[in-house]
Amino acid sequence: MKKKFDPKKLYRDFMGKNRGTVREYMSNPSKMKQLFQNAEEKAEKNEGYLKEAVEKIMLLASLLRAYKRGEYRDVSNKTIVMVVVTLLYFVTPVDAWPDFLPLGYVDDLALLGYTMRVINEDLDAFREWKEAQEQEETAPENNS
């Protein structure tokens, strides 16, 4: 029997069960920092399994980091909540399909894809902002 994941339902169910945890992360800068660090570490550690998803997870973690630091605030609260929920889901080893099982990341990837689609406009804007920041940092100083 195939197990099918409805990413919207995964999101709603996880959010419903973990609303307090999500609020705690949203209001606690050190927990938020721990979350994006854990997500990055897990993505890098499982790069062989996750391949293309690693870049997306890193982008979400980068958005959360820039938001936490106050560097980038041109994003809706809904987007930040979705990023927190998605990264929490990703770092939680026991979820709809536990990560230690074969194909254990299917549900994580389904939720990641859903989140990326829903917050696509905010992510595009963040990517543009991030690229502009990186260009500013690498541009030679004008000494005229």
Protein backbone atom coordinates (compact mmCIF):
# COMPACT_ATOMS: atom_id res chain seq x y z
CA MET A 1 0.00 0.00 0.00
CA LYS A 2 1.36 3.40 -1.00
CA LYS A 3 1.27 6.15 1.56
CA LYS A 4 0.26 9.45 -0.01
CA PHE A 5 1.08 12.73 1.66
CA ASP A 6 -1.13 15.76 1.34
CA PRO A 7 1.34 18.53 2.18
CA LYS A 8 -1.40 21.00 3.08
CA LYS A 9 -2.80 18.48 5.55
CA LEU A 10 0.69 17.76 6.89
CA TYR A 11 1.13 21.48 7.50
CA ARG A 12 -2.27 21.89 9.19
CA ASP A 13 -1.85 18.79 11.35
CA PHE A 14 1.68 19.67 12.43
CA MET A 15 0.71 23.28 13.12
CA GLY A 16 -2.35 22.13 15.08
CA LYS A 17 -0.30 19.82 17.29
CA ASN A 18 2.65 22.20 17.69
CA ARG A 19 1.08 25.67 17.78
CA GLY A 20 2.64 26.38 21.19
CA THR A 21 6.06 25.22 20.03
CA VAL A 22 5.82 27.39 16.90
CA ARG A 23 4.90 30.43 19.05
CA GLU A 24 7.79 29.66 21.38
CA TYR A 25 10.26 29.60 18.48
CA MET A 26 8.75 32.75 16.97
CA SER A 27 9.16 34.68 20.24
CA ASN A 28 12.55 33.33 21.33
CA PRO A 29 15.52 34.49 19.24
CA SER A 30 17.87 31.84 20.62
CA LYS A 31 15.40 29.05 19.77
CA MET A 32 14.95 30.50 16.29
CA LYS A 33 18.73 30.56 15.85
CA GLN A 34 18.93 26.96 17.04
CA LEU A 35 16.21 26.02 14.54
CA PHE A 36 17.91 27.41 11.44
CA GLN A 37 21.25 25.98 12.55
CA ASN A 38 19.71 22.53 13.13
CA ALA A 39 17.97 22.67 9.75
CA GLU A 40 21.21 23.57 7.97
CA GLU A 41 23.15 20.83 9.77
CA LYS A 42 20.53 18.18 9.03
CA ALA A 43 20.31 19.25 5.37
CA GLU A 44 24.10 19.08 4.96
CA LYS A 45 24.31 15.75 6.78
CA ASN A 46 21.64 14.21 4.54
CA GLU A 47 22.65 15.88 1.29
CA GLY A 48 22.88 12.50 -0.44
CA TYR A 49 19.23 11.77 0.27
CA LEU A 50 17.92 15.27 -0.22
CA LYS A 51 19.97 16.49 -3.20
CA GLU A 52 18.11 19.51 -4.62
CA ALA A 53 16.11 20.07 -1.43
CA VAL A 54 19.25 21.12 0.45
CA GLU A 55 19.41 24.42 -1.45
CA LYS A 56 15.75 25.13 -0.62
CA ILE A 57 16.20 24.30 3.05
CA MET A 58 19.27 26.53 3.17
CA LEU A 59 17.27 29.35 1.55
CA LEU A 60 14.53 29.02 4.17
CA ALA A 61 17.12 28.93 6.95
CA SER A 62 18.82 31.99 5.46
CA LEU A 63 15.51 33.87 5.33
CA LEU A 64 14.84 32.99 8.95
CA ARG A 65 18.36 34.08 9.94
CA ALA A 66 18.04 37.45 8.15
CA TYR A 67 14.61 37.97 9.69
CA LYS A 68 15.85 37.11 13.18
CA ARG A 69 18.76 39.52 12.85
CA GLY A 70 16.45 42.29 11.64
CA GLU A 71 18.33 42.52 8.35
CA TYR A 72 15.32 41.57 6.22
CA ARG A 73 11.76 42.35 7.30
CA ASP A 74 9.99 42.72 3.95
CA VAL A 75 8.13 39.47 4.52
CA SER A 76 4.71 38.58 5.88
CA ASN A 77 4.16 36.97 9.27
CA LYS A 78 2.42 34.12 7.46
CA THR A 79 5.62 33.42 5.53
CA ILE A 80 7.76 33.41 8.67
CA VAL A 81 5.29 31.07 10.40
CA MET A 82 5.35 28.73 7.39
CA VAL A 83 9.16 28.74 7.37
CA VAL A 84 9.31 27.99 11.10
CA VAL A 85 6.74 25.18 10.77
CA THR A 86 8.51 23.67 7.76
CA LEU A 87 11.95 23.78 9.38
CA LEU A 88 10.56 22.40 12.67
CA TYR A 89 8.92 19.58 10.74
CA PHE A 90 12.18 18.94 8.92
CA VAL A 91 14.31 18.77 12.08
CA THR A 92 11.77 16.61 13.94
CA PRO A 93 12.92 13.02 13.41
CA VAL A 94 9.54 11.43 14.14
CA ASP A 95 6.83 12.87 11.94
CA ALA A 96 4.26 11.45 9.51
CA TRP A 97 6.92 9.20 8.00
CA PRO A 98 9.88 8.97 10.42
CA ASP A 99 13.17 10.03 8.87
CA PHE A 100 14.97 6.85 9.92
CA LEU A 101 12.70 4.70 7.70
CA PRO A 102 13.48 4.06 4.03
CA LEU A 103 12.16 7.03 2.07
CA GLY A 104 11.77 8.78 5.42
CA TYR A 105 12.09 12.22 3.87
CA VAL A 106 9.13 11.90 1.48
CA ASP A 107 6.82 13.78 3.83
CA ASP A 108 9.47 16.41 4.61
CA LEU A 109 10.01 17.01 0.90
CA ALA A 110 6.27 17.19 0.25
CA LEU A 111 5.87 19.85 2.94
CA LEU A 112 8.96 21.70 1.70
CA GLY A 113 7.56 21.79 -1.84
CA TYR A 114 4.19 23.03 -0.57
CA THR A 115 5.81 25.79 1.48
CA MET A 116 8.01 26.86 -1.43
CA ARG A 117 4.92 27.18 -3.67
CA VAL A 118 2.84 29.09 -1.11
CA ILE A 119 5.55 31.61 -0.21
CA ASN A 120 7.13 31.79 -3.66
CA GLU A 121 6.70 35.56 -4.08
CA ASP A 122 8.27 36.31 -0.69
CA LEU A 123 11.13 33.90 -1.48
CA ASP A 124 11.76 35.52 -4.86
CA ALA A 125 11.93 38.94 -3.20
CA PHE A 126 14.26 37.59 -0.52
CA ARG A 127 16.53 35.97 -3.14
CA GLU A 128 16.79 39.29 -4.99
CA TRP A 129 17.57 41.12 -1.74
CA LYS A 130 20.16 38.50 -0.76
CA GLU A 131 21.86 38.64 -4.16
CA ALA A 132 22.00 42.45 -3.96
CA GLN A 133 23.57 42.20 -0.48
CA GLU A 134 26.16 39.73 -1.75
CA GLN A 135 26.98 41.97 -4.72
CA GLU A 136 27.44 44.96 -2.41
CA GLU A 137 29.80 42.95 -0.23
CA THR A 138 31.92 41.78 -3.17
CA ALA A 139 31.93 45.03 -5.14
CA PRO A 140 35.28 46.82 -5.02
CA GLU A 141 35.22 50.09 -3.13
CA ASN A 142 35.16 53.20 -5.23
CA ASN A 143 38.15 55.29 -4.18
CA SER A 144 37.57 58.35 -6.35
